[in-house]
């Protein structure tokens, strides 16, 4: 069974940093793509970042480009989202999700349907 477990959320001041982790199990990690999504209260879910483990292809939403960095550790079966220069509008529940090959072809890639989801971790940025 596939499991995705997010961690690393918390309360941080504007301009601060957090690193989220997405620990994966139950599948061949190298074959998958992992996306980070977020949903703020009263808003639709938004794609944030994406990494394809096999070739390290990455994508960032414009709202986080230059501030967030996605990376993977194959040995730990974990994907990280380093979030710097946080803003109050980054406040949301952050979810990681896994995409099973064959990968979708939508543009941007975060529009591809994801196959497995974690339960989320809350990030709160105070002003």
Protein backbone atom coordinates (compact mmCIF):
# COMPACT_ATOMS: atom_id res chain seq x y z
CA UNK A 1 0.00 0.00 0.00
CA UNK A 2 1.21 3.47 -0.88
CA UNK A 3 1.79 5.95 1.91
CA UNK A 4 2.75 9.60 1.71
CA UNK A 5 3.39 11.38 4.99
CA UNK A 6 4.04 15.09 5.16
CA UNK A 7 5.86 16.79 8.01
CA UNK A 8 7.62 20.03 8.81
CA UNK A 9 4.73 22.44 8.92
CA UNK A 10 4.34 24.99 11.66
CA UNK A 11 4.08 28.65 12.54
CA UNK A 12 6.65 31.05 11.16
CA UNK A 13 6.94 34.81 10.81
CA UNK A 14 6.92 36.63 7.50
CA UNK A 15 10.30 36.26 5.85
CA UNK A 16 11.04 33.03 7.66
CA UNK A 17 11.74 29.57 6.33
CA UNK A 18 10.40 26.06 6.69
CA UNK A 19 11.32 22.75 5.13
CA UNK A 20 8.53 20.32 4.42
CA UNK A 21 9.17 16.62 3.98
CA UNK A 22 7.15 14.03 2.11
CA UNK A 23 8.12 10.50 3.11
CA UNK A 24 6.97 7.86 0.64
CA UNK A 25 6.58 4.13 0.99
CA UNK A 26 4.88 1.26 -0.77
CA UNK A 27 6.11 1.94 -4.29
CA UNK A 28 9.24 2.19 -6.39
CA UNK A 29 10.24 5.71 -5.47
CA UNK A 30 12.49 6.33 -8.47
CA UNK A 31 9.65 5.80 -10.95
CA UNK A 32 7.26 8.34 -9.54
CA UNK A 33 6.75 12.07 -9.71
CA UNK A 34 5.87 13.99 -6.57
CA UNK A 35 3.92 17.19 -6.45
CA UNK A 36 3.35 19.66 -3.65
CA UNK A 37 -0.03 21.34 -3.44
CA UNK A 38 -1.59 23.70 -0.96
CA UNK A 39 -5.06 24.77 0.04
CA UNK A 40 -5.81 27.88 2.03
CA UNK A 41 -9.11 28.31 3.89
CA UNK A 42 -11.88 29.18 1.49
CA UNK A 43 -9.67 28.79 -1.56
CA UNK A 44 -9.17 26.14 -4.20
CA UNK A 45 -6.25 23.79 -4.07
CA UNK A 46 -3.18 25.18 -5.82
CA UNK A 47 -0.23 23.36 -7.31
CA UNK A 48 3.06 24.58 -5.86
CA UNK A 49 5.92 22.45 -7.13
CA UNK A 50 6.70 19.15 -8.83
CA UNK A 51 9.64 16.83 -9.24
CA UNK A 52 10.09 13.79 -11.45
CA UNK A 53 12.45 11.57 -9.55
CA UNK A 54 13.92 9.68 -12.52
CA UNK A 55 15.37 12.74 -14.28
CA UNK A 56 15.07 15.43 -11.59
CA UNK A 57 12.76 17.53 -13.77
CA UNK A 58 11.26 20.25 -11.60
CA UNK A 59 8.49 22.79 -11.95
CA UNK A 60 7.39 25.71 -9.79
CA UNK A 61 4.26 27.78 -9.77
CA UNK A 62 4.91 31.45 -10.45
CA UNK A 63 3.74 32.33 -6.95
CA UNK A 64 6.67 30.46 -5.36
CA UNK A 65 9.35 30.62 -8.03
CA UNK A 66 12.63 31.89 -6.58
CA UNK A 67 11.49 31.27 -3.00
CA UNK A 68 10.76 27.53 -2.84
CA UNK A 69 13.05 24.67 -3.82
CA UNK A 70 11.98 21.07 -4.34
CA UNK A 71 14.46 18.23 -3.99
CA UNK A 72 14.52 14.49 -3.48
CA UNK A 73 16.58 12.02 -1.49
CA UNK A 74 16.28 8.63 -3.12
CA UNK A 75 17.98 6.84 -0.23
CA UNK A 76 15.39 8.18 2.19
CA UNK A 77 12.43 7.96 -0.24
CA UNK A 78 11.70 11.54 0.67
CA UNK A 79 10.93 14.72 -1.23
CA UNK A 80 11.59 18.06 0.40
CA UNK A 81 10.13 21.50 -0.16
CA UNK A 82 12.40 24.23 1.15
CA UNK A 83 10.35 27.37 1.61
CA UNK A 84 12.15 30.66 2.08
CA UNK A 85 10.97 34.27 2.28
CA UNK A 86 7.58 33.09 3.43
CA UNK A 87 4.61 35.41 3.13
CA UNK A 88 1.23 35.40 4.87
CA UNK A 89 -0.35 34.32 1.60
CA UNK A 90 1.67 31.10 1.78
CA UNK A 91 -0.48 30.06 4.74
CA UNK A 92 -2.23 26.81 3.82
CA UNK A 93 -2.36 23.10 4.35
CA UNK A 94 0.37 21.62 2.19
CA UNK A 95 -0.11 18.21 0.62
CA UNK A 96 2.25 16.00 -1.30
CA UNK A 97 0.97 13.69 -3.99
CA UNK A 98 2.46 10.99 -6.20
CA UNK A 99 1.96 10.57 -9.93
CA UNK A 100 2.29 7.06 -11.32
CA UNK A 101 3.86 6.56 -14.76
CA UNK A 102 2.98 7.04 -17.53
CA UNK A 103 3.17 10.71 -16.64
CA UNK A 104 0.47 13.03 -17.83
CA UNK A 105 1.06 15.55 -20.57
CA UNK A 106 -0.82 18.54 -19.27
CA UNK A 107 0.82 21.90 -19.11
CA UNK A 108 1.69 22.89 -16.46
CA UNK A 109 2.54 19.47 -15.06
CA UNK A 110 0.73 20.21 -11.80
CA UNK A 111 -2.51 19.89 -13.76
CA UNK A 112 -1.82 16.19 -14.24
CA UNK A 113 -4.05 13.98 -12.12
CA UNK A 114 -2.18 12.62 -9.11
CA UNK A 115 -2.69 9.06 -7.94
CA UNK A 116 -1.90 9.15 -4.24
CA UNK A 117 -2.18 11.88 -1.64
CA UNK A 118 -0.88 12.52 1.83
CA UNK A 119 -2.99 13.98 4.64
CA UNK A 120 -1.25 17.35 4.69
CA UNK A 121 0.72 19.56 7.04
CA UNK A 122 -0.32 23.04 8.12
CA UNK A 123 1.89 26.04 7.40
CA UNK A 124 0.98 29.33 9.04
CA UNK A 125 2.87 32.50 8.24
CA UNK A 126 2.21 35.36 10.62
CA UNK A 127 2.46 38.98 9.52
